[in-house]
Protein backbone atom coordinates (compact mmCIF):
# COMPACT_ATOMS: atom_id res chain seq x y z
CA MET A 1 93.39 89.60 106.48
CA ARG A 2 93.11 87.90 103.29
CA THR A 3 94.18 84.09 101.84
CA VAL A 4 94.05 82.75 98.33
CA GLN A 5 95.95 79.39 97.10
CA ILE A 6 97.10 78.81 94.09
CA ARG A 7 98.15 75.57 92.55
CA VAL A 8 100.66 76.06 89.70
CA PRO A 9 102.30 73.07 87.36
CA ALA A 10 105.72 71.83 86.33
CA THR A 11 106.65 72.66 82.22
CA SER A 12 109.20 71.92 80.66
CA ALA A 13 110.07 73.51 77.26
CA ASN A 14 111.56 73.45 74.25
CA LEU A 15 110.16 69.83 73.68
CA GLY A 16 113.55 69.19 71.37
CA PRO A 17 113.06 71.12 68.21
CA GLY A 18 110.80 73.54 69.43
CA PHE A 19 113.35 75.89 70.96
CA ASP A 20 111.93 78.99 72.72
CA ALA A 21 108.72 78.66 71.78
CA LEU A 22 106.68 75.10 72.22
CA GLY A 23 106.04 74.15 76.18
CA LEU A 24 104.21 71.32 77.77
CA ALA A 25 102.41 71.69 81.48
CA LEU A 26 102.86 68.45 83.58
CA SER A 27 101.16 66.97 86.62
CA LEU A 28 103.57 67.86 89.53
CA TYR A 29 102.70 71.31 91.43
CA ASP A 30 103.83 73.81 93.71
CA ASP A 31 101.28 74.64 96.33
CA VAL A 32 101.37 78.67 97.37
CA GLU A 33 99.29 80.31 99.94
CA ALA A 34 99.11 83.87 100.48
CA THR A 35 97.97 86.01 103.04
CA LEU A 36 98.07 89.33 103.53
CA THR A 37 98.32 90.46 106.98
CA ASP A 38 98.17 93.80 109.11
CA GLU A 39 101.70 92.61 110.65
CA PRO A 40 104.32 94.94 108.99
CA GLY A 41 106.95 92.37 107.40
CA THR A 42 106.93 89.54 105.24
CA ARG A 43 107.20 85.96 106.31
CA VAL A 44 108.18 82.24 103.61
CA VAL A 45 107.63 79.27 104.85
CA VAL A 46 108.66 76.22 102.48
CA GLU A 47 108.33 72.62 102.50
CA GLY A 48 109.90 70.45 99.98
CA GLU A 49 111.83 71.42 96.99
CA GLY A 50 114.07 74.69 98.18
CA ALA A 51 113.45 74.62 101.80
CA GLY A 52 116.38 75.76 104.24
CA GLU A 53 117.83 76.99 100.11
CA VAL A 54 115.65 79.83 99.69
CA ASP A 55 114.98 83.46 100.81
CA LEU A 56 112.49 83.48 103.04
CA GLY A 57 111.42 87.34 102.95
CA GLU A 58 111.66 90.06 99.82
CA GLY A 59 114.21 88.07 98.10
CA HIS A 60 111.73 84.85 97.57
CA LEU A 61 110.68 84.82 94.05
CA VAL A 62 106.67 84.41 95.06
CA VAL A 63 107.13 87.74 96.65
CA LYS A 64 109.15 89.62 94.09
CA ALA A 65 106.26 88.53 91.62
CA MET A 66 103.54 89.90 93.81
CA ARG A 67 104.96 92.60 94.32
CA ALA A 68 106.06 93.74 90.86
CA ALA A 69 101.82 92.76 90.26
CA PHE A 70 100.64 95.52 92.91
CA ASP A 71 102.71 97.99 91.10
CA ARG A 72 101.84 96.91 87.63
CA MET A 73 98.26 97.40 89.21
CA GLY A 74 98.88 100.47 90.84
CA ALA A 75 97.77 98.77 93.93
CA ALA A 76 99.25 100.28 97.16
CA GLN A 77 102.04 97.51 98.52
CA PRO A 78 100.06 95.31 101.32
CA ASP A 79 101.77 95.97 104.73
CA GLY A 80 102.18 92.28 105.30
CA ILE A 81 102.27 89.52 103.67
CA LEU A 82 102.84 85.40 104.81
CA LEU A 83 103.59 82.83 102.57
CA ARG A 84 103.15 79.06 102.27
CA CYS A 85 105.35 77.05 100.15
CA ARG A 86 104.49 73.54 99.47
CA ASN A 87 107.11 72.76 96.50
CA ARG A 88 107.46 69.59 94.62
CA ILE A 89 108.85 70.93 91.63
CA PRO A 90 112.66 70.32 91.22
CA HIS A 91 114.93 73.40 91.64
CA ALA A 92 117.63 74.12 88.42
CA ARG A 93 116.30 70.85 86.74
CA GLY A 94 114.67 72.25 83.99
CA LEU A 95 111.18 71.81 85.01
CA GLY A 96 110.22 75.29 85.18
CA SER A 97 110.35 76.38 89.02
CA SER A 98 111.06 79.89 88.25
CA SER A 99 108.24 80.59 85.81
CA ALA A 100 105.89 78.46 88.40
CA ALA A 101 106.93 80.62 90.96
CA VAL A 102 106.60 83.93 89.00
CA CYS A 103 103.18 83.04 87.59
CA ALA A 104 102.45 81.57 91.52
CA GLY A 105 102.72 85.46 92.93
CA ILE A 106 101.82 87.23 89.96
CA LEU A 107 98.54 85.39 90.62
CA ALA A 108 98.48 85.49 94.24
CA ALA A 109 98.68 89.45 93.99
CA ARG A 110 95.75 90.22 91.43
CA ALA A 111 93.55 87.46 93.27
CA LEU A 112 94.27 89.54 96.94
CA ALA A 113 94.27 93.16 95.34
CA GLU A 114 91.90 95.81 95.41
CA GLY A 115 90.09 97.91 92.43
CA GLU A 116 91.78 97.49 89.11
CA GLN A 117 92.82 93.90 88.19
CA LEU A 118 95.18 92.57 85.27
CA SER A 119 94.09 91.17 82.49
CA ASP A 120 95.02 87.37 81.57
CA GLY A 121 96.96 89.02 78.48
CA ALA A 122 98.95 91.26 80.59
CA VAL A 123 99.36 88.57 83.57
CA PHE A 124 100.75 86.47 80.88
CA ALA A 125 103.10 89.49 79.85
CA LEU A 126 104.23 90.47 82.97
CA ALA A 127 105.55 86.81 83.87
CA THR A 128 107.16 86.74 80.50
CA GLU A 129 108.88 89.57 81.52
CA MET A 130 110.15 88.30 84.48
CA GLU A 131 110.99 85.09 83.29
CA GLY A 132 112.61 86.06 80.52
CA HIS A 133 110.61 83.67 77.67
CA PRO A 134 107.29 82.94 77.32
CA ASP A 135 108.14 79.55 76.70
CA ASN A 136 107.64 78.05 80.11
CA VAL A 137 105.26 80.75 81.80
CA ALA A 138 102.59 80.05 79.09
CA PRO A 139 102.05 76.78 79.55
CA CYS A 140 101.88 77.14 83.43
CA LEU A 141 99.22 79.90 83.27
CA ALA A 142 97.40 77.89 80.36
CA GLY A 143 98.19 73.83 80.51
CA GLY A 144 98.27 71.84 77.93
CA LEU A 145 100.48 72.13 75.14
CA THR A 146 101.38 75.11 73.79
CA VAL A 147 103.10 77.61 71.42
CA ALA A 148 104.20 81.00 72.98
CA TRP A 149 105.97 83.72 70.38
CA SER A 150 106.75 87.39 71.12
CA ASP A 151 105.19 90.33 68.59
CA HIS A 152 107.40 92.91 67.07
CA THR A 153 106.51 94.77 70.10
CA GLY A 154 107.83 92.34 72.11
CA ALA A 155 104.44 91.61 73.88
CA PRO A 156 104.13 87.69 74.32
CA HIS A 157 101.17 85.48 72.54
CA MET A 158 100.60 81.82 72.73
CA VAL A 159 98.15 79.30 71.36
CA LYS A 160 96.76 76.13 73.43
CA LEU A 161 96.63 72.71 71.97
CA VAL A 162 95.25 69.56 73.45
CA PRO A 163 97.98 66.86 72.90
CA ASP A 164 96.27 63.39 72.21
CA GLU A 165 95.52 61.28 75.43
CA ARG A 166 97.69 58.13 74.62
CA ILE A 167 100.85 59.82 75.17
CA ARG A 168 101.97 59.87 78.47
CA PRO A 169 105.28 62.13 79.67
CA VAL A 170 108.19 60.31 81.34
CA VAL A 171 110.79 62.92 83.52
CA VAL A 172 113.86 61.81 84.31
CA VAL A 173 115.63 63.51 86.65
CA PRO A 174 119.12 63.69 87.88
CA SER A 175 120.40 64.49 91.27
CA THR A 176 122.18 67.06 89.70
CA ARG A 177 121.13 70.56 89.26
CA LEU A 178 122.55 73.35 86.11
CA ALA A 179 121.55 77.11 86.08
CA THR A 180 119.39 78.05 82.92
CA GLU A 181 121.93 80.87 82.28
CA THR A 182 124.87 78.98 82.67
CA ALA A 183 123.14 76.28 79.94
CA ARG A 184 122.19 79.29 77.87
CA GLY A 185 125.47 80.54 77.82
CA LEU A 186 127.09 77.70 75.65
CA LEU A 187 124.49 78.60 72.77
CA PRO A 188 126.08 80.18 70.07
CA LYS A 189 124.81 83.68 68.64
CA ASP A 190 124.51 82.15 65.27
CA VAL A 191 123.10 79.20 63.77
CA PRO A 192 123.40 77.31 60.16
CA HIS A 193 120.76 78.74 58.22
CA LYS A 194 120.01 74.51 57.40
CA ASP A 195 120.27 73.94 60.98
CA ALA A 196 117.51 76.58 61.32
CA SER A 197 115.14 74.79 58.41
CA PHE A 198 116.00 71.47 59.74
CA ASN A 199 113.91 72.30 63.11
CA ALA A 200 111.54 74.32 61.70
CA GLY A 201 110.58 71.15 60.55
CA ARG A 202 110.65 69.14 62.76
CA ALA A 203 108.99 71.49 65.03
CA ALA A 204 105.94 71.67 62.94
CA LEU A 205 106.06 67.82 63.09
CA LEU A 206 106.21 67.36 66.11
CA ILE A 207 102.93 69.18 66.68
CA ALA A 208 101.46 67.10 64.40
CA ALA A 209 102.77 64.19 66.28
CA LEU A 210 101.88 65.31 69.56
CA THR A 211 98.11 65.95 68.53
CA GLN A 212 97.03 63.63 66.18
CA ARG A 213 99.55 60.90 65.24
CA PRO A 214 101.49 59.63 68.29
CA GLU A 215 103.44 57.05 66.75
CA PRO A 216 106.91 56.25 68.32
CA GLY A 217 108.47 56.62 65.16
CA LEU A 218 106.68 59.59 64.02
CA LEU A 219 107.98 61.17 67.37
CA LEU A 220 111.64 59.65 67.17
CA ALA A 221 112.06 61.87 64.29
CA ALA A 222 109.33 64.80 65.60
CA THR A 223 111.94 65.55 68.49
CA GLU A 224 115.15 66.03 66.55
CA ASP A 225 117.12 69.00 67.40
CA ARG A 226 119.81 70.78 65.94
CA LEU A 227 119.54 73.79 67.48
CA HIS A 228 120.61 73.95 71.65
CA GLN A 229 121.28 70.43 73.03
CA HIS A 230 124.48 69.33 71.44
CA TYR A 231 125.42 72.46 72.54
CA ARG A 232 124.79 72.61 75.93
CA ALA A 233 126.06 68.60 76.15
CA PRO A 234 129.31 69.39 77.47
CA ALA A 235 127.53 71.34 80.32
CA MET A 236 125.24 68.20 81.38
CA GLN A 237 127.13 65.19 79.89
CA ALA A 238 124.95 62.45 81.55
CA THR A 239 122.00 64.12 80.56
CA ALA A 240 123.33 63.46 76.57
CA HIS A 241 124.20 60.24 77.24
CA LEU A 242 121.01 59.55 78.45
CA VAL A 243 119.10 61.01 75.66
CA GLU A 244 121.36 59.30 73.08
CA ARG A 245 120.32 55.78 74.61
CA LEU A 246 116.89 56.06 74.96
CA ARG A 247 116.39 57.39 71.16
CA ALA A 248 118.84 54.44 70.17
CA VAL A 249 116.34 52.31 71.51
CA GLY A 250 113.66 54.51 69.99
CA VAL A 251 111.98 55.95 72.66
CA PRO A 252 111.59 59.99 71.61
CA ALA A 253 113.43 61.76 74.64
CA VAL A 254 114.81 65.09 74.55
CA VAL A 255 116.16 67.68 77.24
CA SER A 256 113.53 69.25 79.40
CA GLY A 257 113.90 72.89 78.95
CA ALA A 258 117.76 73.70 79.71
CA GLY A 259 118.41 70.46 81.68
CA PRO A 260 119.67 68.67 82.80
CA THR A 261 116.40 66.55 83.42
CA VAL A 262 115.17 64.12 80.53
CA LEU A 263 111.62 64.53 79.04
CA ALA A 264 110.52 61.25 77.43
CA PHE A 265 107.26 60.90 75.30
CA SER A 266 106.07 57.51 76.41
CA THR A 267 102.98 55.45 74.33
CA SER A 268 102.25 51.79 75.17
CA ASP A 269 104.98 50.83 72.17
CA THR A 270 107.73 52.45 74.26
CA GLN A 271 106.60 52.41 77.60
CA ASP A 272 109.20 49.47 78.89
CA LEU A 273 111.49 50.32 77.23
CA ILE A 274 112.72 53.60 79.51
CA ALA A 275 113.44 51.89 82.84
CA PRO A 276 116.12 49.73 81.42
CA GLU A 277 118.27 52.70 80.04
CA VAL A 278 118.11 55.03 83.25
CA GLY A 279 120.82 54.25 85.98
CA ASN A 280 120.81 54.60 90.15
CA ASP A 281 121.10 58.26 89.73
CA TRP A 282 118.17 59.58 88.23
CA HIS A 283 114.57 59.43 89.29
CA ILE A 284 111.56 58.16 87.09
CA GLN A 285 108.64 59.65 87.52
CA GLN A 286 105.59 59.07 85.03
CA MET A 287 103.21 61.91 84.32
CA ASP A 288 99.99 63.43 82.74
CA VAL A 289 99.59 66.09 80.80
CA ASP A 290 98.21 69.01 83.32
CA PRO A 291 95.16 70.48 80.74
CA ILE A 292 94.08 73.56 83.20
CA GLY A 293 97.40 75.20 84.12
CA ALA A 294 97.26 77.58 87.18
CA ASP A 295 94.65 76.99 89.12
CA VAL A 296 93.23 80.45 91.88
CA GLN A 297 91.00 79.05 94.99
CA PHE A 298 90.29 80.83 97.86
CA PRO A 299 90.41 78.72 101.00
CA GLU A 300 86.26 79.44 101.80
CA THR A 301 85.18 77.42 98.30
CA ARG A 302 87.55 74.97 98.69
């Protein structure tokens, strides 16, 4: 038997104006242990988030990603897979749980396969293909703050940046869920040119604010958005209202990914302003920015 252990971070995409482009890795992790066995069949054990809900066989997303990676490498599919998942990333909350599962599965297959391996670029490309967009995949794999895009051929690319250490992400997670497909379905096919121009400027400003000048006023302006959050608000009204309340008191707050989690950029000037605006139906968790992204280890090296 061969075993590999993968740790993948939660991520927050968009960050306000950086729709489908910006992403941030967070210090909240899923741990996956994958073992190839001689016993035919697939068995999945899940602890934590998703336990009792997700498929425990071939339909599990990590297994699907492993199978896709073996095929992409031209490697033989294993006779048996034993998967143990300890999940901490909430599902359907806008924190990249599906990207984490996809990345974990692809990296597990690469680590366990014999013969030709996938390059890092090929891992990124396959994960983006399975996930649909690179904005959550990029920070999950690389860590830090990432800018991701696809070129004219559809191939994804990324640039990794290091946010100022004085910025602390705070996630405010509701008990309710929202499917990404539902949130994306509310977006219009076209947007006004002035709104696109507005977001382009704010996204550029956000990069500067996160990496060079973490001032609350600058971060507040830099996290303004006109492309997606207000269109999605009808599907998550409590989230929209919380973002409004936090921003009204000077906290740079945005919808995390497709929602309904709220992400706030906390500094020493604003850290005490968040809790008073949050009700009992939310879970507040202060985090760090994960600096390395997905981590691959073999049990004997730990």
